[in-house]
Amino acid sequence: MQAINDFILAAAGQPWVLFLVLACCVIDGFFPPIPSESVVVGLAAVAATADVPNPWVLMLVAALGAFSGDNIAYLIGRRVGTTRWSWMRGPRMQSAFRWAGAELRKRPASLILVARFVPIGRVAVNLTAGATRYHHARFLGLTALSAVLWGAYSVGIGLFFGQWFEENHLLGAAIAIVCAVALGIVVDLVINRVRRKTPVVERMREPEA
């Protein structure tokens, strides 16, 4: 176990680890299987007691990567739409795209800000924003803000939980990652519940013929 902790500490202090963070956060913007949250939160947990990598630099790199990935997804959506590839045409993704399109017309700012914290949700929203030609300048501003908030949130979780495990970086990182994933699941469940209720509410508001 000590050997694993020594390896984690040594790796966290290497310059290349920040390039890894950047790459993960960029790719995660349009390919959700890449675990960018886990990488950022885990490194922040190590930084809580080892001071490497620098938490502020980690937050900025994570935010830059998230911003870049979100806007790449926007450009992909603008170029290819939301039906080009088979994974897009599945019932779950099509439902997410339809919901994202409706919500973008009603409350785009809050949707884009919240979606950044849900892996699949952010991909659906970003692709839909591009496919529906949502104003790109506004999208840039909203994703810049959401990326900074997400970076601060991810690093903050890692620092909070990592401070209690000075002698076991692996355990601190693991607990921080689990907590971050759990919070993401909670946000996803809340969004799905709202999404399921929205059509009912809209029908109730429709005037009778």
N, C-alpha and C. Protein backbone atom coordinates (compact mmCIF):
# COMPACT_ATOMS: atom_id res chain seq x y z
N MET A 1 0.83 -1.21 0.00
CA MET A 1 0.00 0.00 0.00
C MET A 1 0.86 1.26 0.00
N GLN A 2 1.96 1.23 0.75
CA GLN A 2 2.84 2.38 0.79
C GLN A 2 3.46 2.65 -0.57
N ALA A 3 3.76 1.56 -1.29
CA ALA A 3 4.34 1.72 -2.63
C ALA A 3 3.34 2.41 -3.56
N ILE A 4 2.06 2.06 -3.44
CA ILE A 4 1.03 2.68 -4.27
C ILE A 4 0.90 4.17 -3.93
N ASN A 5 0.92 4.48 -2.63
CA ASN A 5 0.83 5.88 -2.22
C ASN A 5 2.03 6.68 -2.71
N ASP A 6 3.21 6.08 -2.65
CA ASP A 6 4.41 6.75 -3.14
C ASP A 6 4.32 7.00 -4.64
N PHE A 7 3.79 6.03 -5.37
CA PHE A 7 3.65 6.19 -6.82
C PHE A 7 2.66 7.31 -7.15
N ILE A 8 1.51 7.34 -6.45
CA ILE A 8 0.51 8.38 -6.67
C ILE A 8 1.10 9.75 -6.40
N LEU A 9 1.83 9.87 -5.30
CA LEU A 9 2.43 11.15 -4.93
C LEU A 9 3.45 11.59 -5.97
N ALA A 10 4.27 10.65 -6.46
CA ALA A 10 5.29 10.98 -7.45
C ALA A 10 4.64 11.39 -8.77
N ALA A 11 3.59 10.68 -9.18
CA ALA A 11 2.92 11.00 -10.44
C ALA A 11 2.23 12.35 -10.36
N ALA A 12 1.62 12.65 -9.21
CA ALA A 12 0.89 13.91 -9.06
C ALA A 12 1.80 15.12 -9.19
N GLY A 13 3.08 14.94 -8.91
CA GLY A 13 4.01 16.05 -8.98
C GLY A 13 4.65 16.23 -10.34
N GLN A 14 4.32 15.39 -11.31
CA GLN A 14 4.92 15.48 -12.63
C GLN A 14 4.16 16.46 -13.52
N PRO A 15 4.86 17.22 -14.36
CA PRO A 15 4.18 18.19 -15.24
C PRO A 15 3.18 17.53 -16.20
N TRP A 16 3.48 16.30 -16.63
CA TRP A 16 2.61 15.67 -17.63
C TRP A 16 1.20 15.39 -17.08
N VAL A 17 1.06 15.35 -15.77
CA VAL A 17 -0.25 15.02 -15.21
C VAL A 17 -1.27 16.10 -15.56
N LEU A 18 -0.83 17.35 -15.68
CA LEU A 18 -1.74 18.43 -16.05
C LEU A 18 -2.18 18.30 -17.51
N PHE A 19 -1.29 17.81 -18.37
CA PHE A 19 -1.68 17.56 -19.76
C PHE A 19 -2.69 16.43 -19.84
N LEU A 20 -2.54 15.44 -18.94
CA LEU A 20 -3.52 14.36 -18.87
C LEU A 20 -4.89 14.90 -18.46
N VAL A 21 -4.90 15.77 -17.47
CA VAL A 21 -6.15 16.40 -17.02
C VAL A 21 -6.80 17.17 -18.17
N LEU A 22 -6.01 17.96 -18.86
CA LEU A 22 -6.52 18.76 -19.97
C LEU A 22 -7.13 17.86 -21.05
N ALA A 23 -6.41 16.81 -21.42
CA ALA A 23 -6.90 15.91 -22.46
C ALA A 23 -8.20 15.23 -22.04
N CYS A 24 -8.26 14.74 -20.80
CA CYS A 24 -9.47 14.07 -20.31
C CYS A 24 -10.66 15.01 -20.31
N CYS A 25 -10.46 16.24 -19.88
CA CYS A 25 -11.56 17.19 -19.80
C CYS A 25 -12.04 17.62 -21.19
N VAL A 26 -11.12 17.74 -22.13
CA VAL A 26 -11.51 18.09 -23.50
C VAL A 26 -12.33 16.96 -24.12
N ILE A 27 -11.81 15.74 -24.07
CA ILE A 27 -12.48 14.61 -24.71
C ILE A 27 -13.82 14.32 -24.06
N ASP A 28 -13.90 14.51 -22.73
CA ASP A 28 -15.13 14.23 -22.00
C ASP A 28 -16.27 15.14 -22.43
N GLY A 29 -15.96 16.26 -23.06
CA GLY A 29 -17.01 17.17 -23.51
C GLY A 29 -17.88 16.57 -24.60
N PHE A 30 -17.33 15.62 -25.37
CA PHE A 30 -18.11 15.00 -26.44
C PHE A 30 -18.03 13.47 -26.42
N PHE A 31 -17.33 12.91 -25.43
CA PHE A 31 -17.21 11.45 -25.30
C PHE A 31 -17.25 11.11 -23.82
N PRO A 32 -18.46 10.97 -23.24
CA PRO A 32 -18.62 10.87 -21.78
C PRO A 32 -17.94 9.69 -21.09
N PRO A 33 -17.59 8.56 -21.79
CA PRO A 33 -16.90 7.49 -21.05
C PRO A 33 -15.56 7.91 -20.45
N ILE A 34 -14.97 9.01 -20.93
CA ILE A 34 -13.71 9.48 -20.34
C ILE A 34 -14.02 10.10 -18.98
N PRO A 35 -13.43 9.57 -17.89
CA PRO A 35 -13.79 10.00 -16.53
C PRO A 35 -13.05 11.26 -16.06
N SER A 36 -13.38 12.39 -16.64
CA SER A 36 -12.64 13.61 -16.30
C SER A 36 -12.84 14.00 -14.84
N GLU A 37 -14.08 13.85 -14.33
CA GLU A 37 -14.33 14.19 -12.92
C GLU A 37 -13.45 13.39 -11.99
N SER A 38 -13.34 12.10 -12.28
CA SER A 38 -12.55 11.22 -11.42
C SER A 38 -11.08 11.63 -11.40
N VAL A 39 -10.56 12.01 -12.55
CA VAL A 39 -9.16 12.43 -12.64
C VAL A 39 -8.94 13.71 -11.84
N VAL A 40 -9.82 14.70 -12.04
CA VAL A 40 -9.66 16.00 -11.36
C VAL A 40 -9.85 15.85 -9.86
N VAL A 41 -10.92 15.17 -9.46
CA VAL A 41 -11.21 15.00 -8.03
C VAL A 41 -10.11 14.20 -7.35
N GLY A 42 -9.65 13.13 -7.99
CA GLY A 42 -8.60 12.30 -7.41
C GLY A 42 -7.30 13.07 -7.20
N LEU A 43 -6.90 13.86 -8.19
CA LEU A 43 -5.68 14.66 -8.04
C LEU A 43 -5.84 15.75 -6.99
N ALA A 44 -7.03 16.33 -6.92
CA ALA A 44 -7.28 17.36 -5.90
C ALA A 44 -7.20 16.76 -4.51
N ALA A 45 -7.66 15.52 -4.36
CA ALA A 45 -7.57 14.85 -3.06
C ALA A 45 -6.12 14.66 -2.64
N VAL A 46 -5.27 14.34 -3.60
CA VAL A 46 -3.84 14.21 -3.31
C VAL A 46 -3.26 15.57 -2.96
N ALA A 47 -3.66 16.60 -3.71
CA ALA A 47 -3.14 17.95 -3.47
C ALA A 47 -3.51 18.49 -2.10
N ALA A 48 -4.58 17.97 -1.52
CA ALA A 48 -5.02 18.46 -0.21
C ALA A 48 -3.97 18.30 0.86
N THR A 49 -3.16 17.25 0.76
CA THR A 49 -2.14 17.00 1.78
C THR A 49 -0.72 17.01 1.22
N ALA A 50 -0.59 16.81 -0.09
CA ALA A 50 0.75 16.74 -0.67
C ALA A 50 1.17 18.02 -1.38
N ASP A 51 0.20 18.93 -1.61
CA ASP A 51 0.46 20.21 -2.28
C ASP A 51 0.87 20.06 -3.74
N VAL A 52 0.71 18.88 -4.32
CA VAL A 52 0.94 18.68 -5.74
C VAL A 52 -0.19 17.82 -6.30
N PRO A 53 -0.70 18.19 -7.47
CA PRO A 53 -0.41 19.43 -8.20
C PRO A 53 -1.02 20.64 -7.50
N ASN A 54 -0.60 21.83 -7.92
CA ASN A 54 -1.15 23.04 -7.34
C ASN A 54 -2.65 23.10 -7.59
N PRO A 55 -3.47 23.23 -6.55
CA PRO A 55 -4.94 23.21 -6.74
C PRO A 55 -5.46 24.29 -7.67
N TRP A 56 -4.88 25.47 -7.61
CA TRP A 56 -5.35 26.55 -8.48
C TRP A 56 -5.04 26.25 -9.94
N VAL A 57 -3.84 25.73 -10.19
CA VAL A 57 -3.48 25.37 -11.57
C VAL A 57 -4.36 24.22 -12.05
N LEU A 58 -4.59 23.25 -11.18
CA LEU A 58 -5.46 22.13 -11.52
C LEU A 58 -6.86 22.61 -11.89
N MET A 59 -7.39 23.54 -11.12
CA MET A 59 -8.72 24.06 -11.40
C MET A 59 -8.76 24.78 -12.74
N LEU A 60 -7.75 25.59 -13.02
CA LEU A 60 -7.72 26.33 -14.28
C LEU A 60 -7.59 25.40 -15.48
N VAL A 61 -6.74 24.37 -15.36
CA VAL A 61 -6.56 23.41 -16.45
C VAL A 61 -7.85 22.63 -16.69
N ALA A 62 -8.50 22.21 -15.60
CA ALA A 62 -9.77 21.48 -15.73
C ALA A 62 -10.83 22.35 -16.39
N ALA A 63 -10.91 23.62 -15.98
CA ALA A 63 -11.89 24.53 -16.56
C ALA A 63 -11.62 24.77 -18.03
N LEU A 64 -10.35 24.95 -18.39
CA LEU A 64 -9.98 25.16 -19.79
C LEU A 64 -10.36 23.94 -20.64
N GLY A 65 -10.06 22.75 -20.13
CA GLY A 65 -10.40 21.55 -20.85
C GLY A 65 -11.90 21.38 -21.01
N ALA A 66 -12.65 21.64 -19.93
CA ALA A 66 -14.11 21.52 -19.98
C ALA A 66 -14.71 22.50 -20.98
N PHE A 67 -14.23 23.73 -20.96
CA PHE A 67 -14.70 24.75 -21.89
C PHE A 67 -14.43 24.33 -23.34
N SER A 68 -13.23 23.84 -23.59
CA SER A 68 -12.86 23.42 -24.94
C SER A 68 -13.71 22.23 -25.40
N GLY A 69 -13.88 21.24 -24.52
CA GLY A 69 -14.66 20.06 -24.87
C GLY A 69 -16.12 20.39 -25.15
N ASP A 70 -16.70 21.26 -24.34
CA ASP A 70 -18.10 21.64 -24.55
C ASP A 70 -18.29 22.33 -25.90
N ASN A 71 -17.35 23.16 -26.27
CA ASN A 71 -17.48 23.89 -27.53
C ASN A 71 -17.14 23.03 -28.74
N ILE A 72 -16.30 22.03 -28.55
CA ILE A 72 -16.09 21.06 -29.63
C ILE A 72 -17.38 20.28 -29.88
N ALA A 73 -18.06 19.90 -28.79
CA ALA A 73 -19.34 19.21 -28.92
C ALA A 73 -20.35 20.10 -29.64
N TYR A 74 -20.37 21.37 -29.32
CA TYR A 74 -21.27 22.32 -29.99
C TYR A 74 -21.01 22.33 -31.50
N LEU A 75 -19.73 22.39 -31.87
CA LEU A 75 -19.37 22.44 -33.29
C LEU A 75 -19.70 21.12 -34.00
N ILE A 76 -19.54 20.01 -33.28
CA ILE A 76 -19.92 18.71 -33.86
C ILE A 76 -21.42 18.69 -34.12
N GLY A 77 -22.21 19.14 -33.13
CA GLY A 77 -23.65 19.19 -33.31
C GLY A 77 -24.05 20.09 -34.45
N ARG A 78 -23.37 21.19 -34.58
CA ARG A 78 -23.69 22.14 -35.66
C ARG A 78 -23.38 21.55 -37.03
N ARG A 79 -22.36 20.72 -37.08
CA ARG A 79 -21.92 20.17 -38.37
C ARG A 79 -22.68 18.90 -38.75
N VAL A 80 -22.90 18.00 -37.78
CA VAL A 80 -23.47 16.70 -38.12
C VAL A 80 -24.88 16.48 -37.58
N GLY A 81 -25.37 17.36 -36.69
CA GLY A 81 -26.70 17.19 -36.14
C GLY A 81 -26.73 16.16 -35.01
N THR A 82 -27.91 15.61 -34.76
CA THR A 82 -28.07 14.68 -33.64
C THR A 82 -28.60 13.32 -34.08
N THR A 83 -28.46 13.00 -35.37
CA THR A 83 -28.92 11.69 -35.86
C THR A 83 -27.90 11.00 -36.76
N ARG A 84 -26.74 11.57 -36.91
CA ARG A 84 -25.77 11.05 -37.88
C ARG A 84 -25.28 9.64 -37.53
N TRP A 85 -24.94 9.42 -36.24
CA TRP A 85 -24.35 8.14 -35.84
C TRP A 85 -25.36 7.30 -35.07
N SER A 86 -25.12 5.99 -35.08
CA SER A 86 -26.09 5.06 -34.50
C SER A 86 -26.32 5.31 -33.01
N TRP A 87 -25.26 5.67 -32.26
CA TRP A 87 -25.44 5.89 -30.83
C TRP A 87 -26.35 7.08 -30.55
N MET A 88 -26.43 7.99 -31.52
CA MET A 88 -27.32 9.14 -31.36
C MET A 88 -28.78 8.77 -31.56
N ARG A 89 -29.04 7.71 -32.34
CA ARG A 89 -30.41 7.38 -32.73
C ARG A 89 -31.12 6.47 -31.74
N GLY A 90 -30.46 6.08 -30.67
CA GLY A 90 -31.10 5.26 -29.66
C GLY A 90 -32.22 6.01 -28.98
N PRO A 91 -33.23 5.32 -28.45
CA PRO A 91 -34.38 6.00 -27.83
C PRO A 91 -33.99 6.90 -26.66
N ARG A 92 -33.02 6.46 -25.84
CA ARG A 92 -32.64 7.27 -24.69
C ARG A 92 -31.97 8.57 -25.13
N MET A 93 -31.04 8.48 -26.10
CA MET A 93 -30.36 9.69 -26.56
C MET A 93 -31.32 10.61 -27.30
N GLN A 94 -32.22 10.04 -28.13
CA GLN A 94 -33.16 10.88 -28.84
C GLN A 94 -34.11 11.60 -27.87
N SER A 95 -34.50 10.90 -26.81
CA SER A 95 -35.32 11.53 -25.79
C SER A 95 -34.56 12.68 -25.12
N ALA A 96 -33.26 12.44 -24.84
CA ALA A 96 -32.44 13.49 -24.23
C ALA A 96 -32.28 14.68 -25.17
N PHE A 97 -32.11 14.41 -26.46
CA PHE A 97 -31.96 15.49 -27.44
C PHE A 97 -33.25 16.31 -27.55
N ARG A 98 -34.40 15.62 -27.58
CA ARG A 98 -35.67 16.34 -27.68
C ARG A 98 -35.90 17.22 -26.45
N TRP A 99 -35.61 16.65 -25.29
CA TRP A 99 -35.77 17.42 -24.05
C TRP A 99 -34.82 18.62 -24.03
N ALA A 100 -33.55 18.38 -24.43
CA ALA A 100 -32.57 19.47 -24.44
C ALA A 100 -33.00 20.58 -25.39
N GLY A 101 -33.53 20.21 -26.56
CA GLY A 101 -33.99 21.21 -27.51
C GLY A 101 -35.12 22.06 -26.95
N ALA A 102 -36.08 21.40 -26.27
CA ALA A 102 -37.20 22.15 -25.68
C ALA A 102 -36.73 23.06 -24.57
N GLU A 103 -35.83 22.56 -23.72
CA GLU A 103 -35.35 23.36 -22.60
C GLU A 103 -34.46 24.51 -23.06
N LEU A 104 -33.71 24.31 -24.14
CA LEU A 104 -32.87 25.38 -24.66
C LEU A 104 -33.71 26.56 -25.13
N ARG A 105 -34.92 26.28 -25.59
CA ARG A 105 -35.80 27.36 -26.03
C ARG A 105 -36.39 28.12 -24.84
N LYS A 106 -36.51 27.45 -23.70
CA LYS A 106 -37.17 28.07 -22.54
C LYS A 106 -36.20 28.64 -21.52
N ARG A 107 -35.17 27.87 -21.17
CA ARG A 107 -34.26 28.31 -20.11
C ARG A 107 -32.82 27.88 -20.45
N PRO A 108 -32.26 28.45 -21.50
CA PRO A 108 -30.94 28.01 -21.96
C PRO A 108 -29.82 28.21 -20.95
N ALA A 109 -29.82 29.33 -20.24
CA ALA A 109 -28.71 29.62 -19.33
C ALA A 109 -28.61 28.58 -18.22
N SER A 110 -29.72 28.34 -17.53
CA SER A 110 -29.69 27.38 -16.42
C SER A 110 -29.41 25.97 -16.92
N LEU A 111 -29.94 25.62 -18.10
CA LEU A 111 -29.71 24.28 -18.64
C LEU A 111 -28.24 24.04 -18.94
N ILE A 112 -27.60 24.98 -19.62
CA ILE A 112 -26.19 24.81 -19.98
C ILE A 112 -25.30 24.78 -18.74
N LEU A 113 -25.63 25.60 -17.74
CA LEU A 113 -24.84 25.61 -16.51
C LEU A 113 -24.97 24.30 -15.74
N VAL A 114 -26.18 23.79 -15.62
CA VAL A 114 -26.40 22.56 -14.85
C VAL A 114 -25.90 21.34 -15.60
N ALA A 115 -26.08 21.31 -16.91
CA ALA A 115 -25.72 20.14 -17.71
C ALA A 115 -24.23 19.81 -17.61
N ARG A 116 -23.39 20.78 -17.36
CA ARG A 116 -21.96 20.53 -17.26
C ARG A 116 -21.63 19.54 -16.15
N PHE A 117 -22.51 19.40 -15.16
CA PHE A 117 -22.26 18.53 -14.02
C PHE A 117 -22.80 17.12 -14.22
N VAL A 118 -23.39 16.86 -15.40
CA VAL A 118 -23.94 15.53 -15.70
C VAL A 118 -23.28 15.03 -16.98
N PRO A 119 -22.46 13.97 -16.92
CA PRO A 119 -21.69 13.53 -18.10
C PRO A 119 -22.50 13.38 -19.38
N ILE A 120 -23.54 12.54 -19.38
CA ILE A 120 -24.33 12.36 -20.60
C ILE A 120 -25.17 13.59 -20.88
N GLY A 121 -25.64 14.24 -19.83
CA GLY A 121 -26.47 15.43 -20.01
C GLY A 121 -25.74 16.53 -20.73
N ARG A 122 -24.50 16.77 -20.40
CA ARG A 122 -23.77 17.86 -21.04
C ARG A 122 -23.54 17.57 -22.52
N VAL A 123 -23.28 16.30 -22.87
CA VAL A 123 -23.08 15.96 -24.27
C VAL A 123 -24.35 16.20 -25.06
N ALA A 124 -25.50 15.77 -24.52
CA ALA A 124 -26.78 15.96 -25.20
C ALA A 124 -27.08 17.45 -25.39
N VAL A 125 -26.87 18.23 -24.34
CA VAL A 125 -27.16 19.67 -24.41
C VAL A 125 -26.23 20.37 -25.38
N ASN A 126 -24.94 20.07 -25.32
CA ASN A 126 -23.98 20.75 -26.18
C ASN A 126 -24.20 20.41 -27.66
N LEU A 127 -24.44 19.13 -27.95
CA LEU A 127 -24.71 18.73 -29.33
C LEU A 127 -26.00 19.37 -29.84
N THR A 128 -27.02 19.39 -28.99
CA THR A 128 -28.31 19.97 -29.39
C THR A 128 -28.18 21.47 -29.61
N ALA A 129 -27.40 22.13 -28.75
CA ALA A 129 -27.19 23.57 -28.92
C ALA A 129 -26.58 23.87 -30.28
N GLY A 130 -25.63 23.05 -30.69
CA GLY A 130 -25.02 23.24 -32.01
C GLY A 130 -25.98 22.91 -33.13
N ALA A 131 -26.71 21.79 -32.99
CA ALA A 131 -27.63 21.36 -34.04
C ALA A 131 -28.77 22.35 -34.25
N THR A 132 -29.20 23.01 -33.17
CA THR A 132 -30.31 23.97 -33.28
C THR A 132 -29.82 25.39 -33.54
N ARG A 133 -28.53 25.52 -33.76
CA ARG A 133 -27.92 26.83 -34.04
C ARG A 133 -28.15 27.83 -32.90
N TYR A 134 -28.06 27.34 -31.65
CA TYR A 134 -28.14 28.27 -30.53
C TYR A 134 -27.02 29.29 -30.65
N HIS A 135 -27.30 30.53 -30.31
CA HIS A 135 -26.36 31.65 -30.49
C HIS A 135 -24.98 31.28 -29.92
N HIS A 136 -23.97 31.23 -30.79
CA HIS A 136 -22.67 30.71 -30.36
C HIS A 136 -21.98 31.62 -29.34
N ALA A 137 -22.11 32.93 -29.51
CA ALA A 137 -21.46 33.84 -28.56
C ALA A 137 -22.02 33.65 -27.15
N ARG A 138 -23.33 33.47 -27.04
CA ARG A 138 -23.94 33.22 -25.74
C ARG A 138 -23.48 31.88 -25.19
N PHE A 139 -23.41 30.90 -26.07
CA PHE A 139 -22.96 29.58 -25.65
C PHE A 139 -21.53 29.64 -25.12
N LEU A 140 -20.68 30.39 -25.77
CA LEU A 140 -19.30 30.56 -25.31
C LEU A 140 -19.27 31.13 -23.90
N GLY A 141 -20.06 32.17 -23.67
CA GLY A 141 -20.07 32.80 -22.35
C GLY A 141 -20.60 31.87 -21.27
N LEU A 142 -21.69 31.16 -21.57
CA LEU A 142 -22.26 30.25 -20.58
C LEU A 142 -21.35 29.07 -20.29
N THR A 143 -20.72 28.53 -21.31
CA THR A 143 -19.82 27.39 -21.07
C THR A 143 -18.54 27.83 -20.37
N ALA A 144 -18.12 29.07 -20.58
CA ALA A 144 -16.96 29.57 -19.83
C ALA A 144 -17.28 29.62 -18.34
N LEU A 145 -18.46 30.13 -18.01
CA LEU A 145 -18.88 30.20 -16.61
C LEU A 145 -19.08 28.80 -16.03
N SER A 146 -19.76 27.94 -16.76
CA SER A 146 -20.02 26.59 -16.25
C SER A 146 -18.73 25.80 -16.07
N ALA A 147 -17.75 26.02 -16.95
CA ALA A 147 -16.47 25.31 -16.84
C ALA A 147 -15.73 25.74 -15.58
N VAL A 148 -15.74 27.03 -15.27
CA VAL A 148 -15.08 27.52 -14.06
C VAL A 148 -15.77 26.97 -12.82
N LEU A 149 -17.10 26.99 -12.83
CA LEU A 149 -17.84 26.45 -11.68
C LEU A 149 -17.58 24.96 -11.51
N TRP A 150 -17.56 24.23 -12.61
CA TRP A 150 -17.31 22.79 -12.55
C TRP A 150 -15.90 22.49 -12.06
N GLY A 151 -14.92 23.25 -12.56
CA GLY A 151 -13.54 23.05 -12.13
C GLY A 151 -13.38 23.32 -10.64
N ALA A 152 -13.99 24.41 -10.16
CA ALA A 152 -13.92 24.75 -8.73
C ALA A 152 -14.63 23.69 -7.89
N TYR A 153 -15.77 23.24 -8.36
CA TYR A 153 -16.55 22.21 -7.66
C TYR A 153 -15.77 20.90 -7.55
N SER A 154 -15.18 20.45 -8.66
CA SER A 154 -14.45 19.19 -8.66
C SER A 154 -13.22 19.24 -7.77
N VAL A 155 -12.46 20.32 -7.89
CA VAL A 155 -11.26 20.47 -7.06
C VAL A 155 -11.67 20.63 -5.59
N GLY A 156 -12.75 21.36 -5.34
CA GLY A 156 -13.21 21.55 -3.96
C GLY A 156 -13.58 20.25 -3.28
N ILE A 157 -14.28 19.37 -4.00
CA ILE A 157 -14.63 18.08 -3.42
C ILE A 157 -13.38 17.28 -3.08
N GLY A 158 -12.42 17.27 -4.00
CA GLY A 158 -11.18 16.53 -3.75
C GLY A 158 -10.41 17.08 -2.56
N LEU A 159 -10.32 18.39 -2.46
CA LEU A 159 -9.60 19.01 -1.34
C LEU A 159 -10.30 18.72 -0.01
N PHE A 160 -11.63 18.76 -0.03
CA PHE A 160 -12.39 18.56 1.21
C PHE A 160 -12.17 17.15 1.76
N PHE A 161 -12.32 16.15 0.92
CA PHE A 161 -12.20 14.78 1.40
C PHE A 161 -10.74 14.34 1.52
N GLY A 162 -9.88 14.88 0.67
CA GLY A 162 -8.48 14.46 0.70
C GLY A 162 -7.74 14.88 1.95
N GLN A 163 -8.19 15.95 2.60
CA GLN A 163 -7.48 16.46 3.78
C GLN A 163 -7.53 15.49 4.96
N TRP A 164 -8.48 14.55 4.94
CA TRP A 164 -8.61 13.61 6.05
C TRP A 164 -7.76 12.36 5.88
N PHE A 165 -7.05 12.26 4.78
CA PHE A 165 -6.30 11.03 4.50
C PHE A 165 -4.86 11.35 4.09
N GLU A 166 -4.18 12.02 4.98
CA GLU A 166 -2.81 12.45 4.69
C GLU A 166 -1.88 11.27 4.48
N GLU A 167 -2.12 10.16 5.18
CA GLU A 167 -1.23 9.01 5.08
C GLU A 167 -1.67 7.99 4.03
N ASN A 168 -2.83 8.21 3.43
CA ASN A 168 -3.32 7.25 2.45
C ASN A 168 -3.97 8.01 1.30
N HIS A 169 -3.14 8.40 0.33
CA HIS A 169 -3.64 9.19 -0.80
C HIS A 169 -4.63 8.39 -1.65
N LEU A 170 -4.39 7.10 -1.77
CA LEU A 170 -5.28 6.26 -2.59
C LEU A 170 -6.68 6.23 -2.00
N LEU A 171 -6.80 6.05 -0.70
CA LEU A 171 -8.10 6.00 -0.05
C LEU A 171 -8.80 7.36 -0.13
N GLY A 172 -8.05 8.43 0.10
CA GLY A 172 -8.63 9.77 0.02
C GLY A 172 -9.17 10.07 -1.37
N ALA A 173 -8.39 9.71 -2.40
CA ALA A 173 -8.83 9.94 -3.77
C ALA A 173 -10.06 9.09 -4.09
N ALA A 174 -10.05 7.84 -3.63
CA ALA A 174 -11.18 6.94 -3.92
C ALA A 174 -12.47 7.45 -3.29
N ILE A 175 -12.40 7.88 -2.03
CA ILE A 175 -13.60 8.37 -1.35
C ILE A 175 -14.10 9.65 -2.01
N ALA A 176 -13.19 10.53 -2.37
CA ALA A 176 -13.58 11.78 -3.03
C ALA A 176 -14.25 11.50 -4.37
N ILE A 177 -13.71 10.55 -5.12
CA ILE A 177 -14.29 10.21 -6.42
C ILE A 177 -15.69 9.61 -6.26
N VAL A 178 -15.84 8.73 -5.29
CA VAL A 178 -17.16 8.11 -5.04
C VAL A 178 -18.18 9.18 -4.68
N CYS A 179 -17.79 10.13 -3.83
CA CYS A 179 -18.71 11.19 -3.44
C CYS A 179 -19.07 12.08 -4.63
N ALA A 180 -18.10 12.37 -5.49
CA ALA A 180 -18.37 13.19 -6.66
C ALA A 180 -19.31 12.47 -7.62
N VAL A 181 -19.09 11.18 -7.82
CA VAL A 181 -19.97 10.39 -8.69
C VAL A 181 -21.38 10.34 -8.12
N ALA A 182 -21.47 10.16 -6.80
CA ALA A 182 -22.79 10.10 -6.15
C ALA A 182 -23.55 11.42 -6.33
N LEU A 183 -22.85 12.54 -6.18
CA LEU A 183 -23.50 13.83 -6.39
C LEU A 183 -23.96 14.00 -7.83
N GLY A 184 -23.12 13.52 -8.76
CA GLY A 184 -23.51 13.58 -10.17
C GLY A 184 -24.75 12.76 -10.45
N ILE A 185 -24.85 11.59 -9.82
CA ILE A 185 -26.03 10.74 -10.00
C ILE A 185 -27.27 11.43 -9.45
N VAL A 186 -27.12 12.08 -8.29
CA VAL A 186 -28.26 12.80 -7.69
C VAL A 186 -28.75 13.90 -8.63
N VAL A 187 -27.81 14.67 -9.18
CA VAL A 187 -28.19 15.74 -10.12
C VAL A 187 -28.88 15.15 -11.34
N ASP A 188 -28.34 14.03 -11.85
CA ASP A 188 -28.94 13.37 -13.02
C ASP A 188 -30.36 12.90 -12.72
N LEU A 189 -30.58 12.32 -11.53
CA LEU A 189 -31.91 11.84 -11.16
C LEU A 189 -32.90 13.00 -11.06
N VAL A 190 -32.44 14.11 -10.48
CA VAL A 190 -33.31 15.28 -10.36
C VAL A 190 -33.70 15.80 -11.74
N ILE A 191 -32.72 15.88 -12.63
CA ILE A 191 -33.00 16.37 -13.98
C ILE A 191 -33.96 15.44 -14.70
N ASN A 192 -33.76 14.12 -14.58
CA ASN A 192 -34.65 13.16 -15.23
C ASN A 192 -36.07 13.27 -14.68
N ARG A 193 -36.20 13.50 -13.38
CA ARG A 193 -37.53 13.64 -12.79
C ARG A 193 -38.22 14.88 -13.33
N VAL A 194 -37.47 15.98 -13.42
CA VAL A 194 -38.03 17.21 -13.98
C VAL A 194 -38.42 17.00 -15.44
N ARG A 195 -37.56 16.28 -16.17
CA ARG A 195 -37.82 16.04 -17.59
C ARG A 195 -39.09 15.22 -17.79
N ARG A 196 -39.30 14.23 -16.94
CA ARG A 196 -40.51 13.39 -17.06
C ARG A 196 -41.77 14.17 -16.72
N LYS A 197 -41.66 15.15 -15.80
CA LYS A 197 -42.83 15.91 -15.39
C LYS A 197 -43.17 17.03 -16.35
N THR A 198 -42.16 17.50 -17.11
CA THR A 198 -42.36 18.66 -17.97
C THR A 198 -43.50 18.50 -18.97
N PRO A 199 -43.59 17.38 -19.73
CA PRO A 199 -44.69 17.26 -20.68
C PRO A 199 -46.05 17.33 -20.02
N VAL A 200 -46.17 16.74 -18.80
CA VAL A 200 -47.43 16.77 -18.09
C VAL A 200 -47.82 18.19 -17.75
N VAL A 201 -46.85 18.95 -17.24
CA VAL A 201 -47.12 20.34 -16.87
C VAL A 201 -47.53 21.15 -18.09
N GLU A 202 -46.81 20.93 -19.21
CA GLU A 202 -47.11 21.69 -20.41
C GLU A 202 -48.52 21.38 -20.92
N ARG A 203 -48.91 20.09 -20.86
CA ARG A 203 -50.26 19.72 -21.30
C ARG A 203 -51.33 20.36 -20.41
N MET A 204 -51.05 20.44 -19.11
CA MET A 204 -52.00 21.04 -18.19
C MET A 204 -52.19 22.52 -18.48
N ARG A 205 -51.13 23.15 -19.05
CA ARG A 205 -51.21 24.58 -19.32
C ARG A 205 -51.87 24.89 -20.66
N GLU A 206 -52.01 23.88 -21.53
CA GLU A 206 -52.57 24.13 -22.84
C GLU A 206 -54.05 24.53 -22.71
N PRO A 207 -54.50 25.55 -23.40
CA PRO A 207 -55.91 25.97 -23.31
C PRO A 207 -56.81 24.95 -23.99
N GLU A 208 -58.01 24.85 -23.48
CA GLU A 208 -58.95 23.92 -24.07
C GLU A 208 -59.48 24.49 -25.38
N ALA A 209 -59.73 23.58 -26.33
CA ALA A 209 -60.23 24.01 -27.64
C ALA A 209 -61.68 24.49 -27.52
